[in-house]
């Protein structure tokens, strides 16, 4: 990516570099645009849309994104709130309560084979963060 853009710049093809940067959500000051970071949401959309799409941030295939400390802190507080027995794991009932505000459960049964579990086969705190 950097090599190709360096070539474009060296060959005077600045408009190509700016086109690429804008395609990835950057503005003229090389900051991510607000409409890229916070896409407008229909007021009638459910929290599930927010949960499933996680802020509807567009992440290209083959790319990754990660939470900053505030996102991690938010998810930690959510976990702590619904871990009623304070065993650092979410039982099926606790998990159901966590997602009770949604019209459907966003994590299917396959989550139990994808993330670390506690000794009781509940979703561990580490597994919870892995799923996010």
N, C-alpha and C. Protein backbone atom coordinates (compact mmCIF):
# COMPACT_ATOMS: atom_id res chain seq x y z
N UNK A 1 0.83 -1.19 0.00
CA UNK A 1 0.00 0.00 0.00
C UNK A 1 0.87 1.25 0.00
N UNK A 2 1.80 1.30 0.95
CA UNK A 2 2.68 2.47 1.03
C UNK A 2 3.57 2.58 -0.20
N UNK A 3 4.08 1.43 -0.66
CA UNK A 3 4.95 1.43 -1.83
C UNK A 3 4.22 1.97 -3.06
N UNK A 4 3.00 1.46 -3.28
CA UNK A 4 2.23 1.91 -4.45
C UNK A 4 1.91 3.40 -4.37
N UNK A 5 1.51 3.86 -3.20
CA UNK A 5 1.20 5.28 -3.06
C UNK A 5 2.45 6.14 -3.21
N UNK A 6 3.58 5.64 -2.75
CA UNK A 6 4.84 6.37 -2.96
C UNK A 6 5.13 6.51 -4.45
N UNK A 7 4.91 5.42 -5.20
CA UNK A 7 5.11 5.49 -6.65
C UNK A 7 4.18 6.50 -7.30
N UNK A 8 2.90 6.48 -6.89
CA UNK A 8 1.94 7.45 -7.45
C UNK A 8 2.40 8.88 -7.18
N UNK A 9 2.85 9.14 -5.97
CA UNK A 9 3.29 10.49 -5.61
C UNK A 9 4.55 10.87 -6.38
N UNK A 10 5.51 9.95 -6.48
CA UNK A 10 6.76 10.23 -7.20
C UNK A 10 6.50 10.50 -8.68
N UNK A 11 5.46 9.89 -9.22
CA UNK A 11 5.14 10.08 -10.65
C UNK A 11 4.14 11.20 -10.87
N UNK A 12 3.87 11.98 -9.82
CA UNK A 12 2.98 13.12 -9.97
C UNK A 12 1.51 12.77 -10.04
N UNK A 13 1.13 11.57 -9.62
CA UNK A 13 -0.27 11.13 -9.67
C UNK A 13 -0.92 11.33 -8.30
N UNK A 14 -0.86 12.55 -7.81
CA UNK A 14 -1.38 12.87 -6.48
C UNK A 14 -2.87 12.60 -6.37
N UNK A 15 -3.61 12.84 -7.46
CA UNK A 15 -5.06 12.62 -7.42
C UNK A 15 -5.40 11.16 -7.16
N UNK A 16 -4.55 10.24 -7.61
CA UNK A 16 -4.77 8.82 -7.35
C UNK A 16 -4.62 8.51 -5.87
N UNK A 17 -3.59 9.07 -5.26
CA UNK A 17 -3.38 8.86 -3.82
C UNK A 17 -4.55 9.43 -3.02
N UNK A 18 -5.02 10.63 -3.38
CA UNK A 18 -6.16 11.22 -2.66
C UNK A 18 -7.43 10.41 -2.88
N UNK A 19 -7.62 9.87 -4.05
CA UNK A 19 -8.80 9.03 -4.32
C UNK A 19 -8.77 7.80 -3.43
N UNK A 20 -7.61 7.19 -3.30
CA UNK A 20 -7.46 6.00 -2.45
C UNK A 20 -7.75 6.36 -0.99
N UNK A 21 -7.16 7.45 -0.52
CA UNK A 21 -7.38 7.86 0.87
C UNK A 21 -8.84 8.16 1.15
N UNK A 22 -9.51 8.83 0.21
CA UNK A 22 -10.94 9.13 0.41
C UNK A 22 -11.78 7.86 0.40
N UNK A 23 -11.38 6.89 -0.40
CA UNK A 23 -12.10 5.61 -0.43
C UNK A 23 -12.02 4.91 0.93
N UNK A 24 -10.94 5.13 1.66
CA UNK A 24 -10.78 4.55 2.98
C UNK A 24 -11.31 5.46 4.09
N UNK A 25 -12.04 6.53 3.73
CA UNK A 25 -12.73 7.36 4.71
C UNK A 25 -11.97 8.57 5.20
N UNK A 26 -10.85 8.92 4.58
CA UNK A 26 -10.07 10.07 5.03
C UNK A 26 -10.52 11.35 4.32
N UNK A 27 -10.34 12.49 5.01
CA UNK A 27 -10.66 13.78 4.41
C UNK A 27 -9.37 14.51 4.01
N UNK A 28 -9.51 15.79 3.65
CA UNK A 28 -8.35 16.56 3.19
C UNK A 28 -7.30 16.81 4.27
N UNK A 29 -7.67 16.63 5.54
CA UNK A 29 -6.70 16.82 6.62
C UNK A 29 -6.16 15.48 7.12
N UNK A 30 -6.42 14.42 6.37
CA UNK A 30 -5.98 13.06 6.70
C UNK A 30 -6.58 12.55 8.01
N UNK A 31 -7.78 13.00 8.32
CA UNK A 31 -8.56 12.52 9.46
C UNK A 31 -9.71 11.69 8.90
N UNK A 32 -10.13 10.67 9.66
CA UNK A 32 -11.30 9.91 9.25
C UNK A 32 -12.53 10.81 9.37
N UNK A 33 -13.38 10.80 8.35
CA UNK A 33 -14.55 11.67 8.36
C UNK A 33 -15.59 11.18 9.36
N UNK A 34 -16.39 12.11 9.88
CA UNK A 34 -17.43 11.76 10.84
C UNK A 34 -18.46 10.81 10.24
N UNK A 35 -18.82 11.02 8.97
CA UNK A 35 -19.82 10.11 8.38
C UNK A 35 -19.25 8.72 8.14
N UNK A 36 -17.94 8.59 8.10
CA UNK A 36 -17.33 7.25 8.03
C UNK A 36 -17.32 6.61 9.42
N UNK A 37 -16.93 7.39 10.42
CA UNK A 37 -16.86 6.86 11.79
C UNK A 37 -18.23 6.67 12.42
N UNK A 38 -19.16 7.56 12.11
CA UNK A 38 -20.50 7.53 12.71
C UNK A 38 -21.56 7.61 11.62
N UNK A 39 -21.76 6.52 10.87
CA UNK A 39 -22.75 6.56 9.79
C UNK A 39 -24.13 6.90 10.36
N UNK A 40 -24.92 7.70 9.62
CA UNK A 40 -26.24 8.04 10.12
C UNK A 40 -27.10 6.79 10.26
N UNK A 41 -27.84 6.72 11.36
CA UNK A 41 -28.71 5.56 11.60
C UNK A 41 -30.15 6.02 11.59
N UNK A 42 -31.00 5.21 11.02
CA UNK A 42 -32.43 5.43 11.04
C UNK A 42 -32.90 5.35 12.48
N UNK A 43 -33.73 6.28 12.92
CA UNK A 43 -34.20 6.29 14.31
C UNK A 43 -34.99 5.04 14.66
N UNK A 44 -35.52 4.35 13.67
CA UNK A 44 -36.33 3.16 13.93
C UNK A 44 -35.51 1.89 14.00
N UNK A 45 -34.21 1.99 13.78
CA UNK A 45 -33.39 0.79 13.84
C UNK A 45 -33.24 0.32 15.27
N UNK A 46 -33.17 -0.98 15.43
CA UNK A 46 -33.03 -1.57 16.75
C UNK A 46 -31.59 -1.51 17.23
N UNK A 47 -31.42 -1.64 18.53
CA UNK A 47 -30.09 -1.75 19.12
C UNK A 47 -29.35 -2.94 18.53
N UNK A 48 -30.11 -3.94 18.08
CA UNK A 48 -29.47 -5.12 17.50
C UNK A 48 -28.64 -4.75 16.28
N UNK A 49 -29.13 -3.80 15.48
CA UNK A 49 -28.35 -3.37 14.32
C UNK A 49 -27.03 -2.78 14.77
N UNK A 50 -27.07 -2.01 15.84
CA UNK A 50 -25.86 -1.42 16.39
C UNK A 50 -24.93 -2.50 16.91
N UNK A 51 -25.51 -3.48 17.59
CA UNK A 51 -24.73 -4.56 18.18
C UNK A 51 -24.11 -5.43 17.09
N UNK A 52 -24.92 -5.86 16.14
CA UNK A 52 -24.45 -6.77 15.10
C UNK A 52 -23.43 -6.08 14.20
N UNK A 53 -23.69 -4.84 13.85
CA UNK A 53 -22.78 -4.12 12.95
C UNK A 53 -21.70 -3.36 13.70
N UNK A 54 -21.81 -3.31 15.01
CA UNK A 54 -20.88 -2.60 15.88
C UNK A 54 -20.53 -1.24 15.31
N UNK A 55 -21.49 -0.35 15.43
CA UNK A 55 -21.39 1.04 14.99
C UNK A 55 -21.37 1.17 13.47
N UNK A 56 -21.64 0.13 12.77
CA UNK A 56 -21.74 0.14 11.31
C UNK A 56 -20.47 0.68 10.64
N UNK A 57 -19.37 0.51 11.29
CA UNK A 57 -18.09 0.91 10.73
C UNK A 57 -17.76 -0.02 9.58
N UNK A 58 -17.45 0.55 8.45
CA UNK A 58 -17.14 -0.27 7.27
C UNK A 58 -15.70 -0.77 7.37
N UNK A 59 -15.55 -2.08 7.41
CA UNK A 59 -14.22 -2.70 7.45
C UNK A 59 -14.12 -3.58 6.22
N UNK A 60 -13.17 -3.29 5.36
CA UNK A 60 -13.01 -4.04 4.12
C UNK A 60 -12.61 -5.48 4.39
N UNK A 61 -12.94 -6.35 3.45
CA UNK A 61 -12.58 -7.76 3.54
C UNK A 61 -11.06 -7.88 3.64
N UNK A 62 -10.60 -8.70 4.56
CA UNK A 62 -9.17 -8.88 4.76
C UNK A 62 -8.55 -7.86 5.70
N UNK A 63 -9.34 -6.89 6.15
CA UNK A 63 -8.85 -5.87 7.07
C UNK A 63 -9.41 -6.14 8.47
N UNK A 64 -8.82 -5.52 9.45
CA UNK A 64 -9.29 -5.68 10.82
C UNK A 64 -9.45 -4.31 11.46
N UNK A 65 -10.09 -4.32 12.60
CA UNK A 65 -10.23 -3.12 13.41
C UNK A 65 -10.17 -3.56 14.86
N UNK A 66 -9.89 -2.66 15.75
CA UNK A 66 -9.87 -3.03 17.16
C UNK A 66 -10.44 -1.89 17.99
N UNK A 67 -10.89 -2.25 19.18
CA UNK A 67 -11.48 -1.28 20.09
C UNK A 67 -10.39 -0.45 20.76
N UNK A 68 -10.70 0.81 21.01
CA UNK A 68 -9.79 1.59 21.85
C UNK A 68 -10.13 1.30 23.30
N UNK A 69 -9.46 1.95 24.22
CA UNK A 69 -9.66 1.66 25.64
C UNK A 69 -11.08 1.98 26.10
N UNK A 70 -11.73 2.96 25.48
CA UNK A 70 -13.10 3.30 25.87
C UNK A 70 -14.09 2.21 25.44
N UNK A 71 -13.88 1.65 24.26
CA UNK A 71 -14.73 0.54 23.81
C UNK A 71 -14.54 -0.68 24.67
N UNK A 72 -13.30 -0.97 25.01
CA UNK A 72 -13.00 -2.10 25.88
C UNK A 72 -13.62 -1.89 27.26
N UNK A 73 -13.52 -0.68 27.76
CA UNK A 73 -14.09 -0.34 29.07
C UNK A 73 -15.61 -0.50 29.06
N UNK A 74 -16.26 -0.07 27.99
CA UNK A 74 -17.71 -0.21 27.86
C UNK A 74 -18.12 -1.68 27.90
N UNK A 75 -17.43 -2.52 27.12
CA UNK A 75 -17.75 -3.95 27.10
C UNK A 75 -17.46 -4.60 28.44
N UNK A 76 -16.42 -4.15 29.13
CA UNK A 76 -16.10 -4.69 30.45
C UNK A 76 -17.22 -4.38 31.44
N UNK A 77 -17.70 -3.14 31.43
CA UNK A 77 -18.79 -2.76 32.33
C UNK A 77 -20.06 -3.55 32.02
N UNK A 78 -20.32 -3.78 30.75
CA UNK A 78 -21.48 -4.57 30.35
C UNK A 78 -21.35 -6.00 30.86
N UNK A 79 -20.16 -6.58 30.70
CA UNK A 79 -19.91 -7.93 31.20
C UNK A 79 -20.12 -7.98 32.71
N UNK A 80 -19.51 -7.05 33.43
CA UNK A 80 -19.62 -7.02 34.89
C UNK A 80 -21.06 -6.88 35.35
N UNK A 81 -21.84 -6.09 34.64
CA UNK A 81 -23.24 -5.87 35.02
C UNK A 81 -24.04 -7.17 34.92
N UNK A 82 -23.79 -7.97 33.90
CA UNK A 82 -24.60 -9.16 33.67
C UNK A 82 -23.99 -10.45 34.22
N UNK A 83 -22.76 -10.39 34.71
CA UNK A 83 -22.16 -11.54 35.39
C UNK A 83 -22.65 -11.51 36.84
N UNK A 84 -23.88 -11.96 37.02
CA UNK A 84 -24.57 -11.81 38.31
C UNK A 84 -23.89 -12.55 39.45
N UNK A 85 -23.32 -13.73 39.18
CA UNK A 85 -22.69 -14.51 40.25
C UNK A 85 -21.19 -14.20 40.39
N UNK A 86 -20.70 -13.27 39.60
CA UNK A 86 -19.30 -12.80 39.67
C UNK A 86 -18.28 -13.94 39.56
N UNK A 87 -18.56 -14.89 38.63
CA UNK A 87 -17.64 -16.01 38.42
C UNK A 87 -16.76 -15.80 37.18
N UNK A 88 -16.77 -14.60 36.63
CA UNK A 88 -16.00 -14.25 35.42
C UNK A 88 -16.39 -15.08 34.21
N UNK A 89 -17.66 -15.45 34.16
CA UNK A 89 -18.20 -16.19 33.02
C UNK A 89 -19.68 -15.87 32.91
N UNK A 90 -20.20 -15.97 31.68
CA UNK A 90 -21.62 -15.72 31.46
C UNK A 90 -22.34 -17.04 31.21
N UNK A 91 -23.25 -17.38 32.11
CA UNK A 91 -24.07 -18.58 31.93
C UNK A 91 -25.08 -18.30 30.82
N UNK A 92 -25.75 -19.33 30.31
CA UNK A 92 -26.78 -19.08 29.29
C UNK A 92 -27.83 -18.07 29.75
N UNK A 93 -28.24 -18.13 31.02
CA UNK A 93 -29.24 -17.19 31.53
C UNK A 93 -28.68 -15.76 31.58
N UNK A 94 -27.42 -15.62 32.01
CA UNK A 94 -26.80 -14.30 32.06
C UNK A 94 -26.61 -13.73 30.65
N UNK A 95 -26.24 -14.59 29.73
CA UNK A 95 -26.07 -14.16 28.34
C UNK A 95 -27.41 -13.71 27.76
N UNK A 96 -28.46 -14.46 28.08
CA UNK A 96 -29.81 -14.09 27.62
C UNK A 96 -30.20 -12.73 28.18
N UNK A 97 -29.90 -12.48 29.45
CA UNK A 97 -30.20 -11.18 30.06
C UNK A 97 -29.40 -10.06 29.40
N UNK A 98 -28.15 -10.33 29.09
CA UNK A 98 -27.30 -9.34 28.44
C UNK A 98 -27.92 -8.84 27.15
N UNK A 99 -28.46 -9.77 26.36
CA UNK A 99 -29.02 -9.41 25.06
C UNK A 99 -30.54 -9.28 25.09
N UNK A 100 -31.13 -9.14 26.27
CA UNK A 100 -32.60 -9.10 26.37
C UNK A 100 -33.21 -7.87 25.71
N UNK A 101 -32.45 -6.81 25.52
CA UNK A 101 -32.97 -5.60 24.87
C UNK A 101 -33.05 -5.75 23.36
N UNK A 102 -32.51 -6.82 22.84
CA UNK A 102 -32.50 -7.04 21.39
C UNK A 102 -33.67 -7.93 20.98
N UNK A 103 -34.14 -7.80 19.75
CA UNK A 103 -35.25 -8.64 19.31
C UNK A 103 -34.85 -10.10 19.09
N UNK A 104 -33.56 -10.38 18.99
CA UNK A 104 -33.08 -11.75 18.83
C UNK A 104 -31.66 -11.85 19.38
N UNK A 105 -31.24 -13.07 19.64
CA UNK A 105 -29.90 -13.31 20.17
C UNK A 105 -28.88 -13.19 19.03
N UNK A 106 -27.96 -12.22 19.09
CA UNK A 106 -27.02 -12.03 17.98
C UNK A 106 -25.94 -13.11 17.89
N UNK A 107 -25.66 -13.79 19.00
CA UNK A 107 -24.65 -14.86 18.99
C UNK A 107 -25.39 -16.18 18.95
N UNK A 108 -25.11 -16.98 17.95
CA UNK A 108 -25.74 -18.29 17.84
C UNK A 108 -25.03 -19.32 18.71
N UNK A 109 -25.54 -20.55 18.69
CA UNK A 109 -24.95 -21.61 19.52
C UNK A 109 -23.50 -21.93 19.16
N UNK A 110 -23.08 -21.57 17.95
CA UNK A 110 -21.70 -21.85 17.53
C UNK A 110 -20.68 -21.05 18.33
N UNK A 111 -21.13 -20.02 19.05
CA UNK A 111 -20.20 -19.22 19.85
C UNK A 111 -19.49 -20.09 20.88
N UNK A 112 -20.16 -21.14 21.37
CA UNK A 112 -19.56 -22.00 22.39
C UNK A 112 -18.41 -22.85 21.84
N UNK A 113 -18.32 -22.98 20.53
CA UNK A 113 -17.20 -23.73 19.96
C UNK A 113 -16.12 -22.80 19.40
N UNK A 114 -16.36 -21.50 19.47
CA UNK A 114 -15.42 -20.53 18.89
C UNK A 114 -14.59 -19.77 19.92
N UNK A 115 -15.06 -19.71 21.16
CA UNK A 115 -14.39 -18.87 22.16
C UNK A 115 -14.00 -19.68 23.38
N UNK A 116 -13.05 -19.19 24.18
CA UNK A 116 -12.69 -19.88 25.43
C UNK A 116 -13.87 -19.93 26.40
N UNK A 117 -14.02 -21.08 27.04
CA UNK A 117 -15.11 -21.30 27.98
C UNK A 117 -14.56 -21.49 29.39
N UNK A 118 -15.43 -21.32 30.37
CA UNK A 118 -15.06 -21.59 31.76
C UNK A 118 -15.13 -23.09 32.01
N UNK A 119 -14.77 -23.52 33.21
CA UNK A 119 -14.86 -24.94 33.57
C UNK A 119 -16.28 -25.46 33.50
N UNK A 120 -17.26 -24.57 33.65
CA UNK A 120 -18.68 -24.95 33.57
C UNK A 120 -19.23 -24.87 32.15
N UNK A 121 -18.34 -24.65 31.18
CA UNK A 121 -18.72 -24.49 29.77
C UNK A 121 -19.58 -23.26 29.52
N UNK A 122 -19.34 -22.22 30.30
CA UNK A 122 -19.96 -20.92 30.08
C UNK A 122 -18.96 -20.04 29.33
N UNK A 123 -19.44 -18.98 28.72
CA UNK A 123 -18.54 -18.07 28.01
C UNK A 123 -17.71 -17.30 29.04
N UNK A 124 -16.41 -17.54 29.00
CA UNK A 124 -15.51 -16.87 29.95
C UNK A 124 -15.38 -15.40 29.59
N UNK A 125 -14.83 -14.64 30.50
CA UNK A 125 -14.61 -13.22 30.23
C UNK A 125 -13.70 -13.05 29.01
N UNK A 126 -12.67 -13.87 28.94
CA UNK A 126 -11.77 -13.82 27.78
C UNK A 126 -12.53 -14.19 26.50
N UNK A 127 -13.37 -15.21 26.59
CA UNK A 127 -14.17 -15.62 25.43
C UNK A 127 -15.13 -14.53 24.97
N UNK A 128 -15.69 -13.82 25.93
CA UNK A 128 -16.60 -12.71 25.65
C UNK A 128 -15.88 -11.64 24.82
N UNK A 129 -14.67 -11.29 25.24
CA UNK A 129 -13.91 -10.29 24.49
C UNK A 129 -13.45 -10.82 23.14
N UNK A 130 -13.14 -12.10 23.07
CA UNK A 130 -12.76 -12.70 21.79
C UNK A 130 -13.91 -12.62 20.78
N UNK A 131 -15.12 -12.84 21.26
CA UNK A 131 -16.28 -12.79 20.36
C UNK A 131 -16.50 -11.39 19.81
N UNK A 132 -16.26 -10.38 20.62
CA UNK A 132 -16.40 -9.01 20.13
C UNK A 132 -15.29 -8.69 19.16
